[in-house]
PDB file of N, CA and C in Angstrom:
ATOM      1  N   MET A   1     -18.340 -49.988  14.662  1.00  0.00           N
ATOM      2  CA  MET A   1     -18.827 -48.691  14.281  1.00  0.00           C
ATOM      3  C   MET A   1     -17.846 -47.589  14.658  1.00  0.00           C
ATOM      4  N   ALA A   2     -17.105 -47.755  15.743  1.00  0.00           N
ATOM      5  CA  ALA A   2     -16.129 -46.776  16.168  1.00  0.00           C
ATOM      6  C   ALA A   2     -14.990 -46.667  15.165  1.00  0.00           C
ATOM      7  N   VAL A   3     -14.697 -47.752  14.494  1.00  0.00           N
ATOM      8  CA  VAL A   3     -13.637 -47.724  13.485  1.00  0.00           C
ATOM      9  C   VAL A   3     -14.055 -46.859  12.316  1.00  0.00           C
ATOM     10  N   THR A   4     -15.287 -46.909  11.915  1.00  0.00           N
ATOM     11  CA  THR A   4     -15.762 -46.123  10.786  1.00  0.00           C
ATOM     12  C   THR A   4     -15.723 -44.634  11.113  1.00  0.00           C
ATOM     13  N   ARG A   5     -16.124 -44.296  12.320  1.00  0.00           N
ATOM     14  CA  ARG A   5     -16.072 -42.883  12.709  1.00  0.00           C
ATOM     15  C   ARG A   5     -14.621 -42.402  12.780  1.00  0.00           C
ATOM     16  N   GLY A   6     -13.745 -43.213  13.310  1.00  0.00           N
ATOM     17  CA  GLY A   6     -12.331 -42.856  13.373  1.00  0.00           C
ATOM     18  C   GLY A   6     -11.731 -42.694  11.993  1.00  0.00           C
ATOM     19  N   ARG A   7     -12.123 -43.598  11.104  1.00  0.00           N
ATOM     20  CA  ARG A   7     -11.628 -43.509   9.731  1.00  0.00           C
ATOM     21  C   ARG A   7     -12.178 -42.249   9.063  1.00  0.00           C
ATOM     22  N   ARG A   8     -13.447 -41.948   9.285  1.00  0.00           N
ATOM     23  CA  ARG A   8     -14.068 -40.757   8.707  1.00  0.00           C
ATOM     24  C   ARG A   8     -13.371 -39.504   9.249  1.00  0.00           C
ATOM     25  N   TRP A   9     -13.076 -39.503  10.551  1.00  0.00           N
ATOM     26  CA  TRP A   9     -12.361 -38.382  11.173  1.00  0.00           C
ATOM     27  C   TRP A   9     -10.993 -38.211  10.531  1.00  0.00           C
ATOM     28  N   GLY A  10     -10.309 -39.318  10.287  1.00  0.00           N
ATOM     29  CA  GLY A  10      -8.998 -39.276   9.643  1.00  0.00           C
ATOM     30  C   GLY A  10      -9.078 -38.715   8.236  1.00  0.00           C
ATOM     31  N   VAL A  11     -10.139 -39.061   7.519  1.00  0.00           N
ATOM     32  CA  VAL A  11     -10.321 -38.533   6.163  1.00  0.00           C
ATOM     33  C   VAL A  11     -10.531 -37.023   6.223  1.00  0.00           C
ATOM     34  N   TYR A  12     -11.336 -36.563   7.157  1.00  0.00           N
ATOM     35  CA  TYR A  12     -11.566 -35.127   7.295  1.00  0.00           C
ATOM     36  C   TYR A  12     -10.258 -34.389   7.604  1.00  0.00           C
ATOM     37  N   VAL A  13      -9.512 -34.917   8.537  1.00  0.00           N
ATOM     38  CA  VAL A  13      -8.234 -34.295   8.895  1.00  0.00           C
ATOM     39  C   VAL A  13      -7.297 -34.304   7.701  1.00  0.00           C
ATOM     40  N   GLY A  14      -7.274 -35.393   6.955  1.00  0.00           N
ATOM     41  CA  GLY A  14      -6.416 -35.479   5.770  1.00  0.00           C
ATOM     42  C   GLY A  14      -6.810 -34.466   4.709  1.00  0.00           C
ATOM     43  N   VAL A  15      -8.115 -34.309   4.493  1.00  0.00           N
ATOM     44  CA  VAL A  15      -8.590 -33.349   3.486  1.00  0.00           C
ATOM     45  C   VAL A  15      -8.243 -31.930   3.917  1.00  0.00           C
ATOM     46  N   VAL A  16      -8.433 -31.619   5.190  1.00  0.00           N
ATOM     47  CA  VAL A  16      -8.098 -30.279   5.686  1.00  0.00           C
ATOM     48  C   VAL A  16      -6.597 -30.035   5.549  1.00  0.00           C
ATOM     49  N   ALA A  17      -5.777 -31.030   5.879  1.00  0.00           N
ATOM     50  CA  ALA A  17      -4.325 -30.881   5.742  1.00  0.00           C
ATOM     51  C   ALA A  17      -3.938 -30.682   4.285  1.00  0.00           C
ATOM     52  N   LEU A  18      -4.580 -31.431   3.383  1.00  0.00           N
ATOM     53  CA  LEU A  18      -4.288 -31.285   1.957  1.00  0.00           C
ATOM     54  C   LEU A  18      -4.665 -29.887   1.468  1.00  0.00           C
ATOM     55  N   LEU A  19      -5.834 -29.397   1.881  1.00  0.00           N
ATOM     56  CA  LEU A  19      -6.244 -28.050   1.479  1.00  0.00           C
ATOM     57  C   LEU A  19      -5.315 -26.975   2.049  1.00  0.00           C
ATOM     58  N   ALA A  20      -4.857 -27.164   3.275  1.00  0.00           N
ATOM     59  CA  ALA A  20      -3.925 -26.205   3.871  1.00  0.00           C
ATOM     60  C   ALA A  20      -2.601 -26.206   3.106  1.00  0.00           C
ATOM     61  N   ALA A  21      -2.137 -27.394   2.719  1.00  0.00           N
ATOM     62  CA  ALA A  21      -0.885 -27.487   1.956  1.00  0.00           C
ATOM     63  C   ALA A  21      -1.042 -26.833   0.584  1.00  0.00           C
ATOM     64  N   LEU A  22      -2.163 -27.071  -0.070  1.00  0.00           N
ATOM     65  CA  LEU A  22      -2.407 -26.440  -1.374  1.00  0.00           C
ATOM     66  C   LEU A  22      -2.498 -24.927  -1.244  1.00  0.00           C
ATOM     67  N   SER A  23      -3.120 -24.454  -0.184  1.00  0.00           N
ATOM     68  CA  SER A  23      -3.214 -23.018   0.045  1.00  0.00           C
ATOM     69  C   SER A  23      -1.833 -22.411   0.270  1.00  0.00           C
ATOM     70  N   ALA A  24      -1.001 -23.104   1.016  1.00  0.00           N
ATOM     71  CA  ALA A  24       0.348 -22.601   1.273  1.00  0.00           C
ATOM     72  C   ALA A  24       1.185 -22.611   0.004  1.00  0.00           C
ATOM     73  N   ALA A  25       0.956 -23.589  -0.874  1.00  0.00           N
ATOM     74  CA  ALA A  25       1.744 -23.693  -2.109  1.00  0.00           C
ATOM     75  C   ALA A  25       1.236 -22.764  -3.193  1.00  0.00           C
ATOM     76  N   ASP A  26      -0.022 -22.406  -3.159  1.00  0.00           N
ATOM     77  CA  ASP A  26      -0.617 -21.559  -4.187  1.00  0.00           C
ATOM     78  C   ASP A  26      -0.102 -20.134  -4.054  1.00  0.00           C
ATOM     79  N   PRO A  27       0.412 -19.541  -5.144  1.00  0.00           N
ATOM     80  CA  PRO A  27       0.937 -18.173  -5.072  1.00  0.00           C
ATOM     81  C   PRO A  27      -0.107 -17.149  -4.620  1.00  0.00           C
ATOM     82  N   SER A  28      -1.369 -17.416  -4.861  1.00  0.00           N
ATOM     83  CA  SER A  28      -2.388 -16.461  -4.437  1.00  0.00           C
ATOM     84  C   SER A  28      -3.042 -16.892  -3.125  1.00  0.00           C
ATOM     85  N   GLY A  29      -2.425 -17.809  -2.421  1.00  0.00           N
ATOM     86  CA  GLY A  29      -2.979 -18.314  -1.173  1.00  0.00           C
ATOM     87  C   GLY A  29      -2.307 -17.701   0.042  1.00  0.00           C
ATOM     88  N   LEU A  30      -1.825 -18.565   0.920  1.00  0.00           N
ATOM     89  CA  LEU A  30      -1.261 -18.144   2.197  1.00  0.00           C
ATOM     90  C   LEU A  30      -0.025 -17.267   2.021  1.00  0.00           C
ATOM     91  N   ARG A  31       0.833 -17.607   1.064  1.00  0.00           N
ATOM     92  CA  ARG A  31       2.048 -16.798   0.861  1.00  0.00           C
ATOM     93  C   ARG A  31       1.692 -15.370   0.471  1.00  0.00           C
ATOM     94  N   LYS A  32       0.687 -15.232  -0.397  1.00  0.00           N
ATOM     95  CA  LYS A  32       0.281 -13.890  -0.806  1.00  0.00           C
ATOM     96  C   LYS A  32      -0.297 -13.130   0.385  1.00  0.00           C
ATOM     97  N   HIS A  33      -1.091 -13.815   1.183  1.00  0.00           N
ATOM     98  CA  HIS A  33      -1.663 -13.182   2.374  1.00  0.00           C
ATOM     99  C   HIS A  33      -0.561 -12.697   3.310  1.00  0.00           C
ATOM    100  N   LEU A  34       0.452 -13.530   3.554  1.00  0.00           N
ATOM    101  CA  LEU A  34       1.547 -13.146   4.444  1.00  0.00           C
ATOM    102  C   LEU A  34       2.343 -11.977   3.877  1.00  0.00           C
ATOM    103  N   ARG A  35       2.582 -11.998   2.553  1.00  0.00           N
ATOM    104  CA  ARG A  35       3.313 -10.904   1.912  1.00  0.00           C
ATOM    105  C   ARG A  35       2.528  -9.598   2.024  1.00  0.00           C
ATOM    106  N   LEU A  36       1.226  -9.668   1.762  1.00  0.00           N
ATOM    107  CA  LEU A  36       0.394  -8.463   1.848  1.00  0.00           C
ATOM    108  C   LEU A  36       0.286  -7.959   3.283  1.00  0.00           C
ATOM    109  N   ALA A  37       0.236  -8.859   4.237  1.00  0.00           N
ATOM    110  CA  ALA A  37       0.197  -8.436   5.645  1.00  0.00           C
ATOM    111  C   ALA A  37       1.487  -7.702   6.008  1.00  0.00           C
ATOM    112  N   GLY A  38       2.617  -8.174   5.496  1.00  0.00           N
ATOM    113  CA  GLY A  38       3.886  -7.482   5.727  1.00  0.00           C
ATOM    114  C   GLY A  38       3.894  -6.100   5.102  1.00  0.00           C
ATOM    115  N   GLU A  39       3.337  -5.993   3.894  1.00  0.00           N
ATOM    116  CA  GLU A  39       3.268  -4.689   3.237  1.00  0.00           C
ATOM    117  C   GLU A  39       2.379  -3.719   4.013  1.00  0.00           C
ATOM    118  N   VAL A  40       1.289  -4.238   4.569  1.00  0.00           N
ATOM    119  CA  VAL A  40       0.397  -3.394   5.368  1.00  0.00           C
ATOM    120  C   VAL A  40       1.149  -2.858   6.579  1.00  0.00           C
ATOM    121  N   ASP A  41       1.925  -3.716   7.239  1.00  0.00           N
ATOM    122  CA  ASP A  41       2.710  -3.263   8.396  1.00  0.00           C
ATOM    123  C   ASP A  41       3.708  -2.185   7.995  1.00  0.00           C
ATOM    124  N   GLN A  42       4.371  -2.372   6.847  1.00  0.00           N
ATOM    125  CA  GLN A  42       5.333  -1.368   6.371  1.00  0.00           C
ATOM    126  C   GLN A  42       4.626  -0.044   6.073  1.00  0.00           C
ATOM    127  N   MET A  43       3.461  -0.116   5.450  1.00  0.00           N
ATOM    128  CA  MET A  43       2.726   1.109   5.114  1.00  0.00           C
ATOM    129  C   MET A  43       2.243   1.821   6.369  1.00  0.00           C
ATOM    130  N   ARG A  44       1.831   1.066   7.364  1.00  0.00           N
ATOM    131  CA  ARG A  44       1.409   1.707   8.618  1.00  0.00           C
ATOM    132  C   ARG A  44       2.583   2.427   9.272  1.00  0.00           C
ATOM    133  N   ALA A  45       3.753   1.792   9.272  1.00  0.00           N
ATOM    134  CA  ALA A  45       4.939   2.430   9.854  1.00  0.00           C
ATOM    135  C   ALA A  45       5.304   3.690   9.064  1.00  0.00           C
ATOM    136  N   GLU A  46       5.229   3.611   7.741  1.00  0.00           N
ATOM    137  CA  GLU A  46       5.529   4.782   6.899  1.00  0.00           C
ATOM    138  C   GLU A  46       4.520   5.901   7.160  1.00  0.00           C
ATOM    139  N   ASN A  47       3.239   5.544   7.311  1.00  0.00           N
ATOM    140  CA  ASN A  47       2.214   6.553   7.602  1.00  0.00           C
ATOM    141  C   ASN A  47       2.480   7.230   8.938  1.00  0.00           C
ATOM    142  N   GLU A  48       2.894   6.469   9.940  1.00  0.00           N
ATOM    143  CA  GLU A  48       3.218   7.067  11.247  1.00  0.00           C
ATOM    144  C   GLU A  48       4.398   8.021  11.124  1.00  0.00           C
ATOM    145  N   ARG A  49       5.426   7.605  10.359  1.00  0.00           N
ATOM    146  CA  ARG A  49       6.587   8.469  10.164  1.00  0.00           C
ATOM    147  C   ARG A  49       6.192   9.756   9.447  1.00  0.00           C
ATOM    148  N   LEU A  50       5.370   9.626   8.402  1.00  0.00           N
ATOM    149  CA  LEU A  50       4.940  10.808   7.654  1.00  0.00           C
ATOM    150  C   LEU A  50       4.038  11.714   8.497  1.00  0.00           C
ATOM    151  N   ALA A  51       3.185  11.132   9.333  1.00  0.00           N
ATOM    152  CA  ALA A  51       2.333  11.947  10.208  1.00  0.00           C
ATOM    153  C   ALA A  51       3.186  12.740  11.185  1.00  0.00           C
ATOM    154  N   ALA A  52       4.233  12.114  11.725  1.00  0.00           N
ATOM    155  CA  ALA A  52       5.130  12.830  12.641  1.00  0.00           C
ATOM    156  C   ALA A  52       5.860  13.950  11.911  1.00  0.00           C
ATOM    157  N   GLU A  53       6.294  13.684  10.685  1.00  0.00           N
ATOM    158  CA  GLU A  53       6.987  14.721   9.908  1.00  0.00           C
ATOM    159  C   GLU A  53       6.032  15.869   9.572  1.00  0.00           C
ATOM    160  N   ASN A  54       4.792  15.540   9.219  1.00  0.00           N
ATOM    161  CA  ASN A  54       3.798  16.588   8.936  1.00  0.00           C
ATOM    162  C   ASN A  54       3.555  17.453  10.156  1.00  0.00           C
ATOM    163  N   ALA A  55       3.473  16.836  11.330  1.00  0.00           N
ATOM    164  CA  ALA A  55       3.269  17.602  12.564  1.00  0.00           C
ATOM    165  C   ALA A  55       4.464  18.512  12.823  1.00  0.00           C
ATOM    166  N   ARG A  56       5.685  18.010  12.594  1.00  0.00           N
ATOM    167  CA  ARG A  56       6.885  18.827  12.790  1.00  0.00           C
ATOM    168  C   ARG A  56       6.881  20.012  11.826  1.00  0.00           C
ATOM    169  N   LEU A  57       6.540  19.756  10.564  1.00  0.00           N
ATOM    170  CA  LEU A  57       6.509  20.832   9.569  1.00  0.00           C
ATOM    171  C   LEU A  57       5.417  21.851   9.889  1.00  0.00           C
ATOM    172  N   ALA A  58       4.284  21.401  10.388  1.00  0.00           N
ATOM    173  CA  ALA A  58       3.208  22.330  10.767  1.00  0.00           C
ATOM    174  C   ALA A  58       3.664  23.231  11.908  1.00  0.00           C
ATOM    175  N   ARG A  59       4.382  22.650  12.885  1.00  0.00           N
ATOM    176  CA  ARG A  59       4.920  23.473  13.994  1.00  0.00           C
ATOM    177  C   ARG A  59       5.917  24.483  13.455  1.00  0.00           C
ATOM    178  N   GLU A  60       6.750  24.055  12.508  1.00  0.00           N
ATOM    179  CA  GLU A  60       7.738  24.977  11.936  1.00  0.00           C
ATOM    180  C   GLU A  60       7.050  26.110  11.183  1.00  0.00           C
ATOM    181  N   VAL A  61       6.002  25.798  10.435  1.00  0.00           N
ATOM    182  CA  VAL A  61       5.263  26.833   9.700  1.00  0.00           C
ATOM    183  C   VAL A  61       4.656  27.837  10.672  1.00  0.00           C
ATOM    184  N   ARG A  62       4.024  27.343  11.753  1.00  0.00           N
ATOM    185  CA  ARG A  62       3.449  28.251  12.752  1.00  0.00           C
ATOM    186  C   ARG A  62       4.526  29.146  13.361  1.00  0.00           C
ATOM    187  N   ALA A  63       5.687  28.552  13.648  1.00  0.00           N
ATOM    188  CA  ALA A  63       6.770  29.336  14.243  1.00  0.00           C
ATOM    189  C   ALA A  63       7.266  30.391  13.259  1.00  0.00           C
ATOM    190  N   LEU A  64       7.413  30.025  11.993  1.00  0.00           N
ATOM    191  CA  LEU A  64       7.905  30.986  10.997  1.00  0.00           C
ATOM    192  C   LEU A  64       6.918  32.130  10.794  1.00  0.00           C
ATOM    193  N   ARG A  65       5.630  31.857  10.958  1.00  0.00           N
ATOM    194  CA  ARG A  65       4.625  32.902  10.780  1.00  0.00           C
ATOM    195  C   ARG A  65       4.498  33.810  11.993  1.00  0.00           C
ATOM    196  N   SER A  66       4.812  33.299  13.176  1.00  0.00           N
ATOM    197  CA  SER A  66       4.520  34.075  14.375  1.00  0.00           C
ATOM    198  C   SER A  66       5.750  34.483  15.178  1.00  0.00           C
ATOM    199  N   GLU A  67       6.884  33.873  14.975  1.00  0.00           N
ATOM    200  CA  GLU A  67       8.065  34.163  15.790  1.00  0.00           C
ATOM    201  C   GLU A  67       9.180  34.739  14.920  1.00  0.00           C
ATOM    202  N   PRO A  68       9.513  36.001  15.085  1.00  0.00           N
ATOM    203  CA  PRO A  68      10.586  36.608  14.289  1.00  0.00           C
ATOM    204  C   PRO A  68      11.926  35.881  14.459  1.00  0.00           C
ATOM    205  N   ALA A  69      12.219  35.381  15.662  1.00  0.00           N
ATOM    206  CA  ALA A  69      13.492  34.679  15.883  1.00  0.00           C
ATOM    207  C   ALA A  69      13.559  33.395  15.065  1.00  0.00           C
ATOM    208  N   ALA A  70      12.440  32.711  14.928  1.00  0.00           N
ATOM    209  CA  ALA A  70      12.411  31.484  14.135  1.00  0.00           C
ATOM    210  C   ALA A  70      12.616  31.806  12.656  1.00  0.00           C
ATOM    211  N   LEU A  71      12.014  32.893  12.202  1.00  0.00           N
ATOM    212  CA  LEU A  71      12.188  33.303  10.817  1.00  0.00           C
ATOM    213  C   LEU A  71      13.637  33.681  10.548  1.00  0.00           C
ATOM    214  N   GLU A  72      14.255  34.422  11.452  1.00  0.00           N
ATOM    215  CA  GLU A  72      15.654  34.809  11.288  1.00  0.00           C
ATOM    216  C   GLU A  72      16.561  33.573  11.267  1.00  0.00           C
ATOM    217  N   ARG A  73      16.294  32.627  12.161  1.00  0.00           N
ATOM    218  CA  ARG A  73      17.101  31.404  12.205  1.00  0.00           C
ATOM    219  C   ARG A  73      17.000  30.650  10.880  1.00  0.00           C
ATOM    220  N   ALA A  74      15.784  30.534  10.343  1.00  0.00           N
ATOM    221  CA  ALA A  74      15.593  29.821   9.083  1.00  0.00           C
ATOM    222  C   ALA A  74      16.313  30.515   7.934  1.00  0.00           C
ATOM    223  N   VAL A  75      16.206  31.835   7.891  1.00  0.00           N
ATOM    224  CA  VAL A  75      16.872  32.589   6.821  1.00  0.00           C
ATOM    225  C   VAL A  75      18.382  32.431   6.924  1.00  0.00           C
ATOM    226  N   ARG A  76      18.922  32.494   8.134  1.00  0.00           N
ATOM    227  CA  ARG A  76      20.364  32.358   8.310  1.00  0.00           C
ATOM    228  C   ARG A  76      20.838  30.947   7.954  1.00  0.00           C
ATOM    229  N   GLU A  77      20.116  29.938   8.382  1.00  0.00           N
ATOM    230  CA  GLU A  77      20.555  28.563   8.140  1.00  0.00           C
ATOM    231  C   GLU A  77      20.357  28.137   6.689  1.00  0.00           C
ATOM    232  N   GLU A  78      19.186  28.406   6.139  1.00  0.00           N
ATOM    233  CA  GLU A  78      18.870  27.888   4.815  1.00  0.00           C
ATOM    234  C   GLU A  78      19.386  28.767   3.688  1.00  0.00           C
ATOM    235  N   LEU A  79      19.358  30.078   3.878  1.00  0.00           N
ATOM    236  CA  LEU A  79      19.792  30.991   2.823  1.00  0.00           C
ATOM    237  C   LEU A  79      21.178  31.560   3.077  1.00  0.00           C
ATOM    238  N   ARG A  80      21.739  31.261   4.263  1.00  0.00           N
ATOM    239  CA  ARG A  80      23.079  31.708   4.654  1.00  0.00           C
ATOM    240  C   ARG A  80      23.212  33.226   4.636  1.00  0.00           C
ATOM    241  N   TYR A  81      22.169  33.898   5.096  1.00  0.00           N
ATOM    242  CA  TYR A  81      22.227  35.341   5.207  1.00  0.00           C
ATOM    243  C   TYR A  81      22.981  35.717   6.477  1.00  0.00           C
ATOM    244  N   ILE A  82      23.639  36.873   6.400  1.00  0.00           N
ATOM    245  CA  ILE A  82      24.310  37.417   7.581  1.00  0.00           C
ATOM    246  C   ILE A  82      23.917  38.884   7.704  1.00  0.00           C
ATOM    247  N   ARG A  83      24.065  39.416   8.879  1.00  0.00           N
ATOM    248  CA  ARG A  83      23.772  40.829   9.107  1.00  0.00           C
ATOM    249  C   ARG A  83      24.976  41.661   8.665  1.00  0.00           C
ATOM    250  N   PRO A  84      24.729  42.898   8.302  1.00  0.00           N
ATOM    251  CA  PRO A  84      25.851  43.773   7.935  1.00  0.00           C
ATOM    252  C   PRO A  84      26.823  43.893   9.109  1.00  0.00           C
ATOM    253  N   GLY A  85      28.093  43.750   8.803  1.00  0.00           N
ATOM    254  CA  GLY A  85      29.118  43.870   9.826  1.00  0.00           C
ATOM    255  C   GLY A  85      29.490  42.550  10.484  1.00  0.00           C
ATOM    256  N   GLU A  86      28.737  41.496  10.246  1.00  0.00           N
ATOM    257  CA  GLU A  86      29.077  40.194  10.837  1.00  0.00           C
ATOM    258  C   GLU A  86      30.173  39.528  10.013  1.00  0.00           C
ATOM    259  N   ARG A  87      30.959  38.715  10.687  1.00  0.00           N
ATOM    260  CA  ARG A  87      31.986  37.930   9.998  1.00  0.00           C
ATOM    261  C   ARG A  87      31.619  36.457  10.116  1.00  0.00           C
ATOM    262  N   VAL A  88      31.872  35.744   9.040  1.00  0.00           N
ATOM    263  CA  VAL A  88      31.565  34.313   9.020  1.00  0.00           C
ATOM    264  C   VAL A  88      32.869  33.549   8.929  1.00  0.00           C
ATOM    265  N   TYR A  89      33.034  32.583   9.788  1.00  0.00           N
ATOM    266  CA  TYR A  89      34.217  31.724   9.785  1.00  0.00           C
ATOM    267  C   TYR A  89      33.763  30.295   9.481  1.00  0.00           C
ATOM    268  N   TRP A  90      34.224  29.742   8.361  1.00  0.00           N
ATOM    269  CA  TRP A  90      33.884  28.367   7.985  1.00  0.00           C
ATOM    270  C   TRP A  90      34.908  27.440   8.611  1.00  0.00           C
ATOM    271  N   LEU A  91      34.439  26.503   9.392  1.00  0.00           N
ATOM    272  CA  LEU A  91      35.336  25.570  10.083  1.00  0.00           C
ATOM    273  C   LEU A  91      35.323  24.186   9.454  1.00  0.00           C
ATOM    274  N   GLY A  92      34.581  23.980   8.409  1.00  0.00           N
ATOM    275  CA  GLY A  92      34.502  22.669   7.765  1.00  0.00           C
ATOM    276  C   GLY A  92      34.128  22.825   6.320  1.00  0.00           C
ATOM    277  N   ALA A  93      33.910  21.701   5.697  1.00  0.00           N
ATOM    278  CA  ALA A  93      33.532  21.710   4.292  1.00  0.00           C
ATOM    279  C   ALA A  93      32.101  22.164   4.145  1.00  0.00           C
ATOM    280  N   GLU A  94      31.766  22.724   2.988  1.00  0.00           N
ATOM    281  CA  GLU A  94      30.394  23.119   2.703  1.00  0.00           C
ATOM    282  C   GLU A  94      29.565  21.872   2.429  1.00  0.00           C
ATOM    283  N   ARG A  95      28.277  22.073   2.234  1.00  0.00           N
ATOM    284  CA  ARG A  95      27.379  20.949   1.990  1.00  0.00           C
ATOM    285  C   ARG A  95      27.794  20.133   0.763  1.00  0.00           C
ATOM    286  N   GLY A  96      28.258  20.774  -0.255  1.00  0.00           N
ATOM    287  CA  GLY A  96      28.636  20.089  -1.484  1.00  0.00           C
ATOM    288  C   GLY A  96      29.930  19.311  -1.363  1.00  0.00           C
ATOM    289  N   GLY A  97      30.631  19.422  -0.284  1.00  0.00           N
ATOM    290  CA  GLY A  97      31.876  18.700  -0.081  1.00  0.00           C
ATOM    291  C   GLY A  97      33.113  19.504  -0.437  1.00  0.00           C
ATOM    292  N   ALA A  98      32.941  20.649  -1.119  1.00  0.00           N
ATOM    293  CA  ALA A  98      34.098  21.465  -1.488  1.00  0.00           C
ATOM    294  C   ALA A  98      34.532  22.294  -0.294  1.00  0.00           C
ATOM    295  N   PRO A  99      35.819  22.483  -0.093  1.00  0.00           N
ATOM    296  CA  PRO A  99      36.316  23.296   1.034  1.00  0.00           C
ATOM    297  C   PRO A  99      36.000  24.755   0.875  1.00  0.00           C
TER     298      PRO A  99
END
């Protein structure tokens, strides 16, 4: 009787192994699950990066609305404004690569 139970156990293990192999080979099985899990990890990392960027931009907006020095810095850097009487010395190439 112990042989029959052992044989039955072996059949169960064989069937489970066969189903696991079929799941791994099936494009919509284990491989798809692993691929989607990787995509979820990438999306979570991207969401964290975007949340940090949103927080940085929100701080910049608050500073531009409330701090005159921050507004002046932004205007000078982004629009390249200068005050009357100031001299500008370019020590490198411009953003476009032209001297």
